[in-house]
Every structure is written in structure tokens, then in C-alpha cells.
Amino acid sequence: MRKFLILLLIVMALGLGQQSVLGQTTGAISGTVTDPNGAVVPGAAIKIKGEAGQEFNAVTNASGIYRIPSVQNGTYTVTIAATGFKTVTVTNVKVDVGTPVTVDGRLEIGGVGEVVEISSGGEVLQTQTAAVGTTITGRQIIDTPIAL
């Protein structure tokens, strides 16, 4: 009986440790906003809108950096605006579970009403962490063969 209790405690401890890794359901979007000369742009307004209608807002700090953590996986549009510069819109930014995405904005001189649209999405190669993750659909889970 004692061996069974010890084994049960070990299994529970291992299961709780895995919960933080397996339960992760979000990614992050961050980046740096610069002007045509490469100088950072503090106070730029960042608006992120998802396909499902979710919206996030941020402002760049004194170093021109913004970060929006806990973004659900999906495809987003990132809009960057600052006084004296054209608005930059980056579409097709794909966020996967546990993967930070970098969307840097290089603003051009001009009016805020003028828009520069970029449809390439965010940085494909994630270099901020060594974590590996993926997003799977319910259909993939159902179609997975199970050995009995």
C-alpha cells in the first residue's frame, strides 16, 4: 500500500509539472517601430485586430518597443500610427501557440491619413525563445489513430 501511495504522488507531481507546458494556449506579438533613418519612434499607437474580432491596443515605449502578450492563436492585422508619419498596416500576421511573433514597423514621413500596407505578415523565424510548439485542430485529434 505504501509503494502505491508513493507511486501515486510521483505521477501526480509529474502531471502537475506538465500542465503549464501543455495548457499553453496563447502566443505574443511584439516589435520595434522606427523612422526612415532607423531611429526609434516612442509613443506610436499599435492596434491589433484578429479575424474573430478581438482587438488589442498598445503604445511604444521610449525605446520604440511594444509587446502584447497572451494573444490567442489566429491571424491578425497590425496597424501602426504616429504623428507626422504614414500609417503602416501589416496583414496576415499568424500567431501560433507559445510562439512570439515579431512585427517591426518602419514608418515613412507623411500624413497619418496616408497608409502603407504590407501583406507579408510577421517574422516567420521566431528567434526570441528556443520553445517549440504547434497548433492542432479538433479534426487532427479525431483522426489520430489509437492503438488498443
N, C-alpha and C. Protein backbone atom coordinates (compact mmCIF):
# COMPACT_ATOMS: atom_id res chain seq x y z
N MET A 1 0.82 -1.19 0.00
CA MET A 1 0.00 0.00 0.00
C MET A 1 0.86 1.26 0.00
N ARG A 2 1.94 1.22 0.76
CA ARG A 2 2.83 2.38 0.85
C ARG A 2 3.48 2.68 -0.50
N LYS A 3 3.89 1.62 -1.22
CA LYS A 3 4.50 1.80 -2.53
C LYS A 3 3.50 2.42 -3.50
N PHE A 4 2.25 1.99 -3.39
CA PHE A 4 1.21 2.53 -4.25
C PHE A 4 1.01 4.03 -4.02
N LEU A 5 1.00 4.46 -2.76
CA LEU A 5 0.84 5.87 -2.44
C LEU A 5 2.01 6.70 -2.94
N ILE A 6 3.21 6.18 -2.79
CA ILE A 6 4.40 6.89 -3.28
C ILE A 6 4.34 7.02 -4.80
N LEU A 7 3.98 5.94 -5.48
CA LEU A 7 3.86 5.96 -6.93
C LEU A 7 2.78 6.96 -7.36
N LEU A 8 1.66 6.98 -6.66
CA LEU A 8 0.58 7.90 -6.97
C LEU A 8 1.03 9.35 -6.81
N LEU A 9 1.77 9.66 -5.76
CA LEU A 9 2.29 11.01 -5.54
C LEU A 9 3.26 11.43 -6.64
N ILE A 10 4.10 10.52 -7.07
CA ILE A 10 5.07 10.82 -8.14
C ILE A 10 4.33 11.11 -9.44
N VAL A 11 3.34 10.30 -9.77
CA VAL A 11 2.58 10.51 -11.00
C VAL A 11 1.83 11.85 -10.95
N MET A 12 1.26 12.18 -9.81
CA MET A 12 0.55 13.46 -9.68
C MET A 12 1.51 14.63 -9.81
N ALA A 13 2.69 14.52 -9.21
CA ALA A 13 3.68 15.60 -9.29
C ALA A 13 4.13 15.81 -10.73
N LEU A 14 4.35 14.74 -11.46
CA LEU A 14 4.75 14.86 -12.86
C LEU A 14 3.61 15.46 -13.69
N GLY A 15 2.40 15.08 -13.41
CA GLY A 15 1.24 15.60 -14.14
C GLY A 15 1.06 17.08 -13.91
N LEU A 16 1.25 17.56 -12.70
CA LEU A 16 1.11 18.99 -12.41
C LEU A 16 2.21 19.80 -13.08
N GLY A 17 3.40 19.24 -13.17
CA GLY A 17 4.51 19.94 -13.83
C GLY A 17 4.28 20.10 -15.32
N GLN A 18 3.59 19.14 -15.92
CA GLN A 18 3.33 19.20 -17.36
C GLN A 18 2.18 20.14 -17.70
N GLN A 19 1.32 20.43 -16.75
CA GLN A 19 0.16 21.24 -17.02
C GLN A 19 0.53 22.62 -17.56
N SER A 20 1.57 23.25 -17.04
CA SER A 20 1.94 24.58 -17.50
C SER A 20 2.42 24.58 -18.94
N VAL A 21 3.06 23.50 -19.38
CA VAL A 21 3.52 23.42 -20.76
C VAL A 21 2.38 23.03 -21.69
N LEU A 22 1.62 22.02 -21.31
CA LEU A 22 0.57 21.52 -22.19
C LEU A 22 -0.65 22.44 -22.22
N GLY A 23 -0.85 23.22 -21.18
CA GLY A 23 -2.02 24.07 -21.12
C GLY A 23 -1.85 25.43 -21.78
N GLN A 24 -0.72 25.67 -22.40
CA GLN A 24 -0.47 26.96 -23.01
C GLN A 24 -1.34 27.13 -24.25
N THR A 25 -2.07 28.23 -24.32
CA THR A 25 -2.99 28.44 -25.44
C THR A 25 -2.80 29.76 -26.16
N THR A 26 -1.75 30.49 -25.82
CA THR A 26 -1.57 31.81 -26.43
C THR A 26 -0.14 32.02 -26.95
N GLY A 27 0.00 33.03 -27.78
CA GLY A 27 1.30 33.49 -28.25
C GLY A 27 1.45 34.96 -27.87
N ALA A 28 2.33 35.68 -28.55
CA ALA A 28 2.54 37.10 -28.26
C ALA A 28 2.94 37.81 -29.55
N ILE A 29 2.65 39.10 -29.60
CA ILE A 29 3.07 39.94 -30.72
C ILE A 29 3.87 41.11 -30.14
N SER A 30 5.06 41.33 -30.70
CA SER A 30 5.89 42.44 -30.25
C SER A 30 6.67 42.99 -31.43
N GLY A 31 7.34 44.10 -31.21
CA GLY A 31 8.14 44.67 -32.28
C GLY A 31 8.72 46.02 -31.91
N THR A 32 9.47 46.58 -32.84
CA THR A 32 10.10 47.88 -32.68
C THR A 32 9.65 48.77 -33.83
N VAL A 33 9.33 50.01 -33.51
CA VAL A 33 8.90 50.97 -34.53
C VAL A 33 10.01 51.98 -34.74
N THR A 34 10.41 52.15 -36.01
CA THR A 34 11.50 53.07 -36.35
C THR A 34 11.05 54.03 -37.46
N ASP A 35 11.83 55.11 -37.63
CA ASP A 35 11.57 56.06 -38.72
C ASP A 35 12.47 55.70 -39.90
N PRO A 36 12.41 56.45 -41.01
CA PRO A 36 13.23 56.10 -42.19
C PRO A 36 14.74 56.08 -41.93
N ASN A 37 15.21 56.81 -40.90
CA ASN A 37 16.64 56.83 -40.58
C ASN A 37 17.04 55.72 -39.61
N GLY A 38 16.07 54.95 -39.15
CA GLY A 38 16.38 53.87 -38.21
C GLY A 38 16.25 54.27 -36.74
N ALA A 39 15.88 55.54 -36.48
CA ALA A 39 15.70 55.99 -35.09
C ALA A 39 14.36 55.47 -34.57
N VAL A 40 14.32 55.12 -33.30
CA VAL A 40 13.08 54.59 -32.72
C VAL A 40 12.02 55.67 -32.61
N VAL A 41 10.75 55.24 -32.64
CA VAL A 41 9.63 56.16 -32.55
C VAL A 41 8.84 55.84 -31.27
N PRO A 42 9.08 56.62 -30.20
CA PRO A 42 8.30 56.40 -28.98
C PRO A 42 6.89 56.97 -29.13
N GLY A 43 5.93 56.39 -28.43
CA GLY A 43 4.56 56.90 -28.44
C GLY A 43 3.74 56.55 -29.66
N ALA A 44 4.21 55.62 -30.50
CA ALA A 44 3.43 55.19 -31.66
C ALA A 44 2.27 54.32 -31.18
N ALA A 45 1.11 54.50 -31.77
CA ALA A 45 -0.07 53.73 -31.40
C ALA A 45 -0.12 52.43 -32.20
N ILE A 46 -0.28 51.32 -31.49
CA ILE A 46 -0.34 50.00 -32.12
C ILE A 46 -1.75 49.46 -31.91
N LYS A 47 -2.39 49.01 -32.99
CA LYS A 47 -3.71 48.40 -32.89
C LYS A 47 -3.64 47.05 -33.58
N ILE A 48 -4.04 46.01 -32.87
CA ILE A 48 -4.02 44.65 -33.41
C ILE A 48 -5.45 44.14 -33.43
N LYS A 49 -5.88 43.66 -34.60
CA LYS A 49 -7.24 43.16 -34.74
C LYS A 49 -7.20 41.76 -35.32
N GLY A 50 -7.92 40.84 -34.67
CA GLY A 50 -7.96 39.45 -35.12
C GLY A 50 -9.15 39.16 -36.00
N GLU A 51 -9.09 38.01 -36.69
CA GLU A 51 -10.18 37.59 -37.56
C GLU A 51 -11.48 37.40 -36.79
N ALA A 52 -11.38 36.98 -35.53
CA ALA A 52 -12.57 36.72 -34.72
C ALA A 52 -13.09 37.99 -34.06
N GLY A 53 -12.49 39.15 -34.36
CA GLY A 53 -12.96 40.42 -33.84
C GLY A 53 -12.26 40.91 -32.58
N GLN A 54 -11.32 40.13 -32.04
CA GLN A 54 -10.60 40.59 -30.85
C GLN A 54 -9.68 41.75 -31.22
N GLU A 55 -9.56 42.72 -30.28
CA GLU A 55 -8.73 43.90 -30.51
C GLU A 55 -7.81 44.12 -29.32
N PHE A 56 -6.58 44.53 -29.62
CA PHE A 56 -5.58 44.85 -28.61
C PHE A 56 -4.95 46.18 -28.98
N ASN A 57 -4.65 47.00 -27.98
CA ASN A 57 -4.01 48.29 -28.23
C ASN A 57 -2.77 48.41 -27.36
N ALA A 58 -1.75 49.08 -27.90
CA ALA A 58 -0.51 49.31 -27.16
C ALA A 58 0.12 50.60 -27.67
N VAL A 59 1.09 51.08 -26.92
CA VAL A 59 1.85 52.27 -27.31
C VAL A 59 3.33 51.92 -27.14
N THR A 60 4.16 52.34 -28.09
CA THR A 60 5.59 52.05 -27.98
C THR A 60 6.19 52.83 -26.82
N ASN A 61 7.17 52.22 -26.15
CA ASN A 61 7.84 52.88 -25.03
C ASN A 61 8.94 53.81 -25.54
N ALA A 62 9.76 54.33 -24.67
CA ALA A 62 10.83 55.27 -25.04
C ALA A 62 11.85 54.65 -25.98
N SER A 63 11.92 53.31 -26.00
CA SER A 63 12.85 52.61 -26.90
C SER A 63 12.17 52.19 -28.20
N GLY A 64 10.92 52.61 -28.41
CA GLY A 64 10.20 52.28 -29.63
C GLY A 64 9.68 50.85 -29.67
N ILE A 65 9.63 50.20 -28.51
CA ILE A 65 9.24 48.78 -28.43
C ILE A 65 7.82 48.65 -27.89
N TYR A 66 7.07 47.71 -28.45
CA TYR A 66 5.76 47.36 -27.91
C TYR A 66 5.70 45.85 -27.76
N ARG A 67 4.80 45.38 -26.88
CA ARG A 67 4.61 43.95 -26.68
C ARG A 67 3.19 43.71 -26.21
N ILE A 68 2.52 42.77 -26.86
CA ILE A 68 1.18 42.37 -26.45
C ILE A 68 1.23 40.87 -26.17
N PRO A 69 1.25 40.49 -24.88
CA PRO A 69 1.29 39.08 -24.51
C PRO A 69 -0.12 38.47 -24.54
N SER A 70 -0.18 37.18 -24.43
CA SER A 70 -1.46 36.44 -24.31
C SER A 70 -2.41 36.71 -25.46
N VAL A 71 -1.92 36.54 -26.68
CA VAL A 71 -2.75 36.68 -27.87
C VAL A 71 -3.15 35.27 -28.32
N GLN A 72 -4.45 35.03 -28.48
CA GLN A 72 -4.93 33.72 -28.92
C GLN A 72 -4.39 33.42 -30.32
N ASN A 73 -4.21 32.12 -30.62
CA ASN A 73 -3.70 31.76 -31.94
C ASN A 73 -4.72 32.16 -33.00
N GLY A 74 -4.21 32.55 -34.17
CA GLY A 74 -5.05 33.00 -35.27
C GLY A 74 -4.29 33.97 -36.16
N THR A 75 -5.00 34.63 -37.05
CA THR A 75 -4.40 35.58 -37.98
C THR A 75 -4.85 36.99 -37.60
N TYR A 76 -3.90 37.91 -37.59
CA TYR A 76 -4.16 39.27 -37.12
C TYR A 76 -3.69 40.31 -38.14
N THR A 77 -4.22 41.53 -37.98
CA THR A 77 -3.77 42.70 -38.72
C THR A 77 -3.21 43.69 -37.71
N VAL A 78 -1.97 44.15 -37.95
CA VAL A 78 -1.31 45.09 -37.04
C VAL A 78 -1.25 46.44 -37.73
N THR A 79 -1.76 47.49 -37.05
CA THR A 79 -1.74 48.85 -37.59
C THR A 79 -0.88 49.72 -36.67
N ILE A 80 0.08 50.43 -37.26
CA ILE A 80 1.00 51.29 -36.50
C ILE A 80 0.82 52.72 -37.00
N ALA A 81 0.55 53.64 -36.06
CA ALA A 81 0.34 55.04 -36.43
C ALA A 81 1.09 55.95 -35.46
N ALA A 82 1.66 57.03 -36.00
CA ALA A 82 2.33 58.04 -35.18
C ALA A 82 2.21 59.38 -35.90
N THR A 83 2.15 60.45 -35.14
CA THR A 83 2.02 61.80 -35.69
C THR A 83 3.21 62.13 -36.59
N GLY A 84 2.93 62.63 -37.78
CA GLY A 84 3.98 63.02 -38.72
C GLY A 84 4.44 61.88 -39.63
N PHE A 85 3.83 60.70 -39.47
CA PHE A 85 4.22 59.54 -40.27
C PHE A 85 2.99 58.92 -40.93
N LYS A 86 3.22 58.21 -42.05
CA LYS A 86 2.15 57.45 -42.69
C LYS A 86 1.81 56.26 -41.80
N THR A 87 0.56 55.86 -41.80
CA THR A 87 0.12 54.69 -41.04
C THR A 87 0.57 53.44 -41.77
N VAL A 88 1.10 52.47 -41.03
CA VAL A 88 1.54 51.19 -41.60
C VAL A 88 0.58 50.10 -41.15
N THR A 89 0.10 49.31 -42.11
CA THR A 89 -0.79 48.19 -41.80
C THR A 89 -0.13 46.91 -42.30
N VAL A 90 0.06 45.95 -41.38
CA VAL A 90 0.65 44.65 -41.73
C VAL A 90 -0.45 43.61 -41.57
N THR A 91 -0.79 42.92 -42.66
CA THR A 91 -1.85 41.91 -42.62
C THR A 91 -1.25 40.51 -42.61
N ASN A 92 -2.10 39.54 -42.34
CA ASN A 92 -1.71 38.11 -42.33
C ASN A 92 -0.62 37.80 -41.32
N VAL A 93 -0.72 38.36 -40.14
CA VAL A 93 0.23 38.05 -39.07
C VAL A 93 -0.30 36.82 -38.35
N LYS A 94 0.39 35.69 -38.48
CA LYS A 94 -0.07 34.41 -37.92
C LYS A 94 0.56 34.19 -36.55
N VAL A 95 -0.29 33.99 -35.55
CA VAL A 95 0.16 33.72 -34.19
C VAL A 95 -0.14 32.27 -33.86
N ASP A 96 0.87 31.52 -33.43
CA ASP A 96 0.71 30.13 -33.01
C ASP A 96 0.91 30.04 -31.51
N VAL A 97 0.46 28.95 -30.95
CA VAL A 97 0.55 28.72 -29.50
C VAL A 97 2.00 28.72 -29.04
N GLY A 98 2.28 29.50 -28.00
CA GLY A 98 3.61 29.51 -27.39
C GLY A 98 4.70 30.14 -28.23
N THR A 99 4.33 30.80 -29.32
CA THR A 99 5.34 31.37 -30.21
C THR A 99 5.20 32.88 -30.29
N PRO A 100 6.22 33.62 -29.86
CA PRO A 100 6.16 35.07 -30.04
C PRO A 100 6.40 35.45 -31.50
N VAL A 101 5.64 36.42 -32.00
CA VAL A 101 5.77 36.90 -33.38
C VAL A 101 6.30 38.33 -33.32
N THR A 102 7.25 38.64 -34.19
CA THR A 102 7.81 39.99 -34.25
C THR A 102 7.27 40.72 -35.48
N VAL A 103 6.65 41.87 -35.24
CA VAL A 103 6.18 42.73 -36.34
C VAL A 103 6.80 44.10 -36.11
N ASP A 104 7.90 44.36 -36.81
CA ASP A 104 8.58 45.65 -36.74
C ASP A 104 7.94 46.59 -37.75
N GLY A 105 7.88 47.87 -37.40
CA GLY A 105 7.30 48.85 -38.31
C GLY A 105 8.31 49.93 -38.65
N ARG A 106 8.52 50.14 -39.94
CA ARG A 106 9.39 51.22 -40.40
C ARG A 106 8.47 52.28 -41.00
N LEU A 107 8.27 53.36 -40.25
CA LEU A 107 7.34 54.40 -40.66
C LEU A 107 7.98 55.35 -41.67
N GLU A 108 7.16 55.78 -42.63
CA GLU A 108 7.60 56.76 -43.62
C GLU A 108 7.02 58.11 -43.27
N ILE A 109 7.77 59.17 -43.59
CA ILE A 109 7.30 60.54 -43.33
C ILE A 109 6.07 60.80 -44.18
N GLY A 110 5.06 61.42 -43.59
CA GLY A 110 3.83 61.73 -44.31
C GLY A 110 2.69 61.94 -43.34
N GLY A 111 1.50 62.12 -43.86
CA GLY A 111 0.32 62.32 -43.02
C GLY A 111 -0.20 61.01 -42.48
N VAL A 112 -0.87 61.08 -41.33
CA VAL A 112 -1.43 59.87 -40.71
C VAL A 112 -2.50 59.26 -41.60
N GLY A 113 -3.16 60.07 -42.42
CA GLY A 113 -4.20 59.58 -43.32
C GLY A 113 -3.66 58.70 -44.44
N GLU A 114 -2.38 58.84 -44.76
CA GLU A 114 -1.76 58.01 -45.78
C GLU A 114 -1.41 56.65 -45.19
N VAL A 115 -1.66 55.58 -45.94
CA VAL A 115 -1.46 54.23 -45.41
C VAL A 115 -0.48 53.45 -46.28
N VAL A 116 0.47 52.79 -45.62
CA VAL A 116 1.38 51.87 -46.29
C VAL A 116 0.95 50.48 -45.86
N GLU A 117 0.52 49.64 -46.82
CA GLU A 117 0.03 48.31 -46.47
C GLU A 117 1.06 47.25 -46.83
N ILE A 118 1.34 46.38 -45.85
CA ILE A 118 2.30 45.28 -46.03
C ILE A 118 1.53 44.00 -45.77
N SER A 119 1.54 43.08 -46.73
CA SER A 119 0.75 41.87 -46.56
C SER A 119 1.59 40.62 -46.34
N SER A 120 2.84 40.79 -45.97
CA SER A 120 3.71 39.62 -45.80
C SER A 120 3.58 38.96 -44.44
N GLY A 121 2.98 39.62 -43.47
CA GLY A 121 2.82 39.03 -42.15
C GLY A 121 4.02 39.29 -41.28
N GLY A 122 4.06 38.61 -40.13
CA GLY A 122 5.13 38.79 -39.16
C GLY A 122 6.34 37.94 -39.49
N GLU A 123 7.33 38.05 -38.64
CA GLU A 123 8.57 37.30 -38.79
C GLU A 123 8.28 35.81 -38.74
N VAL A 124 8.71 35.07 -39.78
CA VAL A 124 8.43 33.64 -39.85
C VAL A 124 9.33 32.86 -38.91
N LEU A 125 10.59 33.20 -38.85
CA LEU A 125 11.53 32.50 -37.98
C LEU A 125 11.55 33.19 -36.63
N GLN A 126 11.04 32.51 -35.63
CA GLN A 126 10.95 33.03 -34.28
C GLN A 126 12.30 32.82 -33.59
N THR A 127 12.94 33.91 -33.16
CA THR A 127 14.28 33.82 -32.58
C THR A 127 14.34 34.24 -31.12
N GLN A 128 13.18 34.50 -30.49
CA GLN A 128 13.19 35.00 -29.13
C GLN A 128 13.34 33.91 -28.08
N THR A 129 12.85 32.70 -28.37
CA THR A 129 12.97 31.60 -27.41
C THR A 129 13.31 30.31 -28.17
N ALA A 130 13.73 29.31 -27.41
CA ALA A 130 14.02 28.01 -28.01
C ALA A 130 12.82 27.07 -27.92
N ALA A 131 11.69 27.58 -27.47
CA ALA A 131 10.49 26.76 -27.31
C ALA A 131 9.95 26.33 -28.66
N VAL A 132 9.43 25.11 -28.71
CA VAL A 132 8.82 24.58 -29.91
C VAL A 132 7.37 24.27 -29.60
N GLY A 133 6.46 24.70 -30.45
CA GLY A 133 5.04 24.44 -30.22
C GLY A 133 4.31 24.41 -31.53
N THR A 134 3.08 23.94 -31.49
CA THR A 134 2.25 23.91 -32.69
C THR A 134 0.80 24.00 -32.29
N THR A 135 -0.03 24.29 -33.24
CA THR A 135 -1.46 24.35 -33.01
C THR A 135 -2.10 23.22 -33.80
N ILE A 136 -2.94 22.44 -33.12
CA ILE A 136 -3.63 21.35 -33.82
C ILE A 136 -5.13 21.59 -33.72
N THR A 137 -5.83 21.07 -34.71
CA THR A 137 -7.28 21.26 -34.75
C THR A 137 -7.98 20.05 -34.13
N GLY A 138 -9.24 20.23 -33.83
CA GLY A 138 -10.03 19.12 -33.30
C GLY A 138 -10.09 17.96 -34.27
N ARG A 139 -10.12 18.27 -35.56
CA ARG A 139 -10.17 17.22 -36.59
C ARG A 139 -8.91 16.36 -36.54
N GLN A 140 -7.74 16.98 -36.33
CA GLN A 140 -6.49 16.23 -36.24
C GLN A 140 -6.51 15.28 -35.05
N ILE A 141 -7.11 15.71 -33.95
CA ILE A 141 -7.19 14.86 -32.77
C ILE A 141 -8.09 13.65 -33.05
N ILE A 142 -9.24 13.91 -33.70
CA ILE A 142 -10.17 12.83 -34.01
C ILE A 142 -9.55 11.83 -34.98
N ASP A 143 -8.79 12.32 -35.97
CA ASP A 143 -8.20 11.46 -36.98
C ASP A 143 -6.95 10.73 -36.53
N THR A 144 -6.44 11.01 -35.33
CA THR A 144 -5.24 10.35 -34.84
C THR A 144 -5.56 8.90 -34.47
N PRO A 145 -4.82 7.94 -35.04
CA PRO A 145 -5.10 6.54 -34.71
C PRO A 145 -4.67 6.22 -33.27
N ILE A 146 -5.45 5.39 -32.63
CA ILE A 146 -5.16 4.99 -31.25
C ILE A 146 -4.96 3.48 -31.22
N ALA A 147 -3.82 3.07 -30.67
CA ALA A 147 -3.54 1.63 -30.55
C ALA A 147 -4.26 1.09 -29.33
N LEU A 148 -4.98 0.01 -29.50
CA LEU A 148 -5.70 -0.62 -28.38
C LEU A 148 -5.02 -1.86 -27.91
